[in-house]
Amino acid sequence: MIVGTQPGSAICRSELLIVGRGFGSSQRAVSGQVRITGVSVQDYLSWSASEIRVVVPATVRPGNDGSLDVDVAGRTAHYALRVSC
């Protein structure tokens, strides 16, 4: 479950902290993946049960109606997210 992000919107090529719960002990342990506006994140800085830190891909689609998806062990959490580049 995603509770929020820091900062509150995603900025291309910048760090994004995803806060929540149930993310698993590591990305590898849960086959974790993050997508922003459908674009798979390639740069993971850290992954824990309550926080995921990533770099927002340069190819995400900017707009006020963006989406953040976190896949954990076959389940997907969705979160609405503003994206700017």
N, C-alpha and C. Protein backbone atom coordinates (compact mmCIF):
# COMPACT_ATOMS: atom_id res chain seq x y z
N MET A 1 0.84 -1.18 0.00
CA MET A 1 0.00 0.00 0.00
C MET A 1 0.89 1.25 0.00
N ILE A 2 0.60 2.17 -0.91
CA ILE A 2 1.34 3.42 -1.01
C ILE A 2 0.60 4.50 -0.20
N VAL A 3 1.32 5.15 0.71
CA VAL A 3 0.74 6.20 1.55
C VAL A 3 1.02 7.58 0.96
N GLY A 4 2.19 7.75 0.35
CA GLY A 4 2.54 9.05 -0.22
C GLY A 4 3.91 9.03 -0.84
N THR A 5 4.34 10.18 -1.33
CA THR A 5 5.67 10.33 -1.93
C THR A 5 6.30 11.61 -1.42
N GLN A 6 7.62 11.64 -1.49
CA GLN A 6 8.38 12.85 -1.19
C GLN A 6 9.39 13.05 -2.29
N PRO A 7 9.38 14.15 -3.03
CA PRO A 7 8.38 15.20 -2.92
C PRO A 7 6.99 14.71 -3.34
N GLY A 8 6.01 15.58 -3.25
CA GLY A 8 4.62 15.21 -3.55
C GLY A 8 4.33 14.98 -5.01
N SER A 9 5.26 15.34 -5.89
CA SER A 9 5.12 15.06 -7.32
C SER A 9 6.46 14.53 -7.84
N ALA A 10 6.38 13.80 -8.95
CA ALA A 10 7.58 13.22 -9.54
C ALA A 10 8.19 14.21 -10.54
N ILE A 11 9.49 14.34 -10.50
CA ILE A 11 10.22 15.22 -11.41
C ILE A 11 11.24 14.38 -12.17
N CYS A 12 11.20 14.47 -13.49
CA CYS A 12 12.10 13.66 -14.33
C CYS A 12 13.54 13.75 -13.86
N ARG A 13 14.21 12.62 -13.83
CA ARG A 13 15.62 12.49 -13.49
C ARG A 13 15.94 12.89 -12.04
N SER A 14 14.91 12.99 -11.21
CA SER A 14 15.11 13.33 -9.80
C SER A 14 14.73 12.16 -8.91
N GLU A 15 15.20 12.22 -7.68
CA GLU A 15 14.91 11.17 -6.71
C GLU A 15 13.46 11.26 -6.23
N LEU A 16 12.82 10.12 -6.05
CA LEU A 16 11.47 10.05 -5.53
C LEU A 16 11.44 9.01 -4.42
N LEU A 17 10.93 9.40 -3.27
CA LEU A 17 10.76 8.49 -2.15
C LEU A 17 9.31 8.06 -2.10
N ILE A 18 9.07 6.77 -2.16
CA ILE A 18 7.72 6.21 -2.08
C ILE A 18 7.56 5.64 -0.68
N VAL A 19 6.55 6.11 0.04
CA VAL A 19 6.33 5.71 1.42
C VAL A 19 5.06 4.87 1.50
N GLY A 20 5.14 3.79 2.26
CA GLY A 20 3.96 2.94 2.41
C GLY A 20 4.25 1.78 3.33
N ARG A 21 3.62 0.65 3.04
CA ARG A 21 3.87 -0.55 3.84
C ARG A 21 3.66 -1.78 2.98
N GLY A 22 4.30 -2.86 3.40
CA GLY A 22 4.15 -4.12 2.70
C GLY A 22 4.96 -4.25 1.43
N PHE A 23 6.04 -3.45 1.31
CA PHE A 23 6.87 -3.51 0.11
C PHE A 23 7.85 -4.69 0.11
N GLY A 24 8.01 -5.35 1.23
CA GLY A 24 8.93 -6.47 1.31
C GLY A 24 10.31 -6.04 1.76
N SER A 25 11.10 -7.01 2.18
CA SER A 25 12.42 -6.71 2.75
C SER A 25 13.43 -6.22 1.72
N SER A 26 13.26 -6.63 0.46
CA SER A 26 14.15 -6.17 -0.61
C SER A 26 13.43 -6.32 -1.94
N GLN A 27 13.90 -5.59 -2.93
CA GLN A 27 13.31 -5.67 -4.27
C GLN A 27 13.41 -7.08 -4.81
N ARG A 28 14.54 -7.69 -4.64
CA ARG A 28 14.77 -9.04 -5.15
C ARG A 28 13.86 -10.06 -4.48
N ALA A 29 13.67 -9.93 -3.17
CA ALA A 29 12.86 -10.91 -2.42
C ALA A 29 11.41 -10.95 -2.88
N VAL A 30 10.89 -9.83 -3.38
CA VAL A 30 9.47 -9.77 -3.77
C VAL A 30 9.28 -9.56 -5.27
N SER A 31 10.36 -9.69 -6.04
CA SER A 31 10.30 -9.40 -7.49
C SER A 31 9.67 -8.03 -7.73
N GLY A 32 10.14 -7.05 -6.97
CA GLY A 32 9.54 -5.72 -6.99
C GLY A 32 9.86 -4.91 -8.22
N GLN A 33 8.87 -4.09 -8.60
CA GLN A 33 9.05 -3.20 -9.74
C GLN A 33 8.21 -1.95 -9.51
N VAL A 34 8.72 -0.82 -9.98
CA VAL A 34 8.00 0.46 -9.90
C VAL A 34 7.82 0.98 -11.32
N ARG A 35 6.61 1.49 -11.60
CA ARG A 35 6.33 2.14 -12.88
C ARG A 35 5.73 3.52 -12.61
N ILE A 36 6.16 4.50 -13.38
CA ILE A 36 5.62 5.85 -13.29
C ILE A 36 5.09 6.19 -14.67
N THR A 37 3.81 6.49 -14.76
CA THR A 37 3.08 6.69 -16.03
C THR A 37 3.35 5.54 -17.00
N GLY A 38 3.45 4.33 -16.46
CA GLY A 38 3.66 3.15 -17.29
C GLY A 38 5.10 2.86 -17.65
N VAL A 39 6.01 3.75 -17.30
CA VAL A 39 7.43 3.58 -17.62
C VAL A 39 8.14 2.90 -16.44
N SER A 40 8.80 1.79 -16.72
CA SER A 40 9.50 1.06 -15.67
C SER A 40 10.72 1.82 -15.18
N VAL A 41 10.82 1.91 -13.86
CA VAL A 41 12.00 2.53 -13.24
C VAL A 41 13.19 1.60 -13.40
N GLN A 42 14.34 2.15 -13.75
CA GLN A 42 15.56 1.38 -13.89
C GLN A 42 16.54 1.60 -12.74
N ASP A 43 16.45 2.78 -12.12
CA ASP A 43 17.41 3.15 -11.07
C ASP A 43 16.76 3.11 -9.70
N TYR A 44 17.04 2.03 -8.95
CA TYR A 44 16.55 1.87 -7.59
C TYR A 44 17.68 2.21 -6.63
N LEU A 45 17.43 3.15 -5.73
CA LEU A 45 18.45 3.57 -4.78
C LEU A 45 18.37 2.78 -3.49
N SER A 46 17.15 2.44 -3.07
CA SER A 46 16.95 1.59 -1.88
C SER A 46 15.54 1.02 -1.89
N TRP A 47 15.37 -0.07 -1.12
CA TRP A 47 14.07 -0.75 -1.04
C TRP A 47 13.96 -1.37 0.33
N SER A 48 12.90 -1.01 1.05
CA SER A 48 12.63 -1.62 2.35
C SER A 48 11.12 -1.85 2.48
N ALA A 49 10.69 -2.42 3.58
CA ALA A 49 9.28 -2.73 3.77
C ALA A 49 8.38 -1.49 3.76
N SER A 50 8.95 -0.33 4.11
CA SER A 50 8.12 0.87 4.20
C SER A 50 8.55 2.02 3.29
N GLU A 51 9.69 1.88 2.60
CA GLU A 51 10.17 2.95 1.72
C GLU A 51 10.88 2.38 0.50
N ILE A 52 10.61 3.00 -0.63
CA ILE A 52 11.34 2.69 -1.87
C ILE A 52 11.87 4.02 -2.40
N ARG A 53 13.14 4.06 -2.72
CA ARG A 53 13.77 5.27 -3.24
C ARG A 53 14.24 4.99 -4.66
N VAL A 54 13.75 5.80 -5.63
CA VAL A 54 14.06 5.59 -7.04
C VAL A 54 14.45 6.90 -7.70
N VAL A 55 14.99 6.79 -8.92
CA VAL A 55 15.20 7.96 -9.77
C VAL A 55 14.12 7.90 -10.85
N VAL A 56 13.38 9.00 -11.01
CA VAL A 56 12.30 9.07 -11.99
C VAL A 56 12.89 9.05 -13.40
N PRO A 57 12.42 8.13 -14.26
CA PRO A 57 12.95 8.07 -15.63
C PRO A 57 12.68 9.36 -16.41
N ALA A 58 13.57 9.69 -17.31
CA ALA A 58 13.43 10.89 -18.14
C ALA A 58 12.28 10.75 -19.13
N THR A 59 11.83 9.54 -19.39
CA THR A 59 10.83 9.29 -20.43
C THR A 59 9.40 9.22 -19.91
N VAL A 60 9.17 9.56 -18.64
CA VAL A 60 7.80 9.55 -18.12
C VAL A 60 6.97 10.65 -18.78
N ARG A 61 5.65 10.45 -18.79
CA ARG A 61 4.75 11.43 -19.40
C ARG A 61 4.34 12.46 -18.35
N PRO A 62 4.65 13.75 -18.57
CA PRO A 62 4.27 14.76 -17.58
C PRO A 62 2.77 15.02 -17.59
N GLY A 63 2.25 15.46 -16.44
CA GLY A 63 0.84 15.82 -16.33
C GLY A 63 0.34 15.69 -14.91
N ASN A 64 -0.85 16.20 -14.69
CA ASN A 64 -1.46 16.15 -13.36
C ASN A 64 -2.14 14.83 -13.07
N ASP A 65 -2.31 14.00 -14.07
CA ASP A 65 -3.04 12.74 -13.91
C ASP A 65 -2.13 11.53 -14.04
N GLY A 66 -0.90 11.65 -13.58
CA GLY A 66 0.06 10.55 -13.67
C GLY A 66 -0.26 9.42 -12.71
N SER A 67 0.40 8.31 -12.92
CA SER A 67 0.17 7.15 -12.06
C SER A 67 1.50 6.59 -11.57
N LEU A 68 1.44 6.06 -10.37
CA LEU A 68 2.58 5.37 -9.77
C LEU A 68 2.10 3.97 -9.42
N ASP A 69 2.79 2.96 -9.92
CA ASP A 69 2.43 1.57 -9.64
C ASP A 69 3.63 0.87 -9.03
N VAL A 70 3.38 0.13 -7.96
CA VAL A 70 4.42 -0.66 -7.31
C VAL A 70 3.96 -2.11 -7.30
N ASP A 71 4.73 -2.96 -7.96
CA ASP A 71 4.46 -4.40 -7.99
C ASP A 71 5.26 -5.09 -6.91
N VAL A 72 4.59 -5.86 -6.06
CA VAL A 72 5.24 -6.60 -4.98
C VAL A 72 4.63 -7.99 -4.93
N ALA A 73 5.45 -8.99 -5.21
CA ALA A 73 5.03 -10.39 -5.12
C ALA A 73 3.71 -10.65 -5.84
N GLY A 74 3.60 -10.11 -7.06
CA GLY A 74 2.43 -10.38 -7.88
C GLY A 74 1.23 -9.48 -7.61
N ARG A 75 1.34 -8.57 -6.66
CA ARG A 75 0.26 -7.61 -6.38
C ARG A 75 0.73 -6.22 -6.76
N THR A 76 -0.22 -5.37 -7.19
CA THR A 76 0.12 -4.02 -7.61
C THR A 76 -0.62 -2.99 -6.77
N ALA A 77 0.14 -2.02 -6.24
CA ALA A 77 -0.45 -0.89 -5.53
C ALA A 77 -0.44 0.30 -6.47
N HIS A 78 -1.54 1.04 -6.53
CA HIS A 78 -1.67 2.19 -7.43
C HIS A 78 -1.74 3.47 -6.62
N TYR A 79 -1.23 4.55 -7.19
CA TYR A 79 -1.24 5.85 -6.53
C TYR A 79 -1.27 6.95 -7.59
N ALA A 80 -2.14 7.93 -7.44
CA ALA A 80 -2.19 9.05 -8.38
C ALA A 80 -1.05 10.01 -8.07
N LEU A 81 -0.38 10.48 -9.12
CA LEU A 81 0.84 11.26 -8.92
C LEU A 81 1.00 12.30 -10.02
N ARG A 82 1.25 13.54 -9.64
CA ARG A 82 1.57 14.59 -10.61
C ARG A 82 3.01 14.40 -11.06
N VAL A 83 3.25 14.56 -12.37
CA VAL A 83 4.59 14.35 -12.93
C VAL A 83 4.98 15.58 -13.74
N SER A 84 6.20 16.06 -13.51
CA SER A 84 6.70 17.20 -14.30
C SER A 84 8.13 16.91 -14.78
N CYS A 85 8.43 17.47 -15.94
CA CYS A 85 9.76 17.26 -16.52
C CYS A 85 10.35 18.57 -16.98
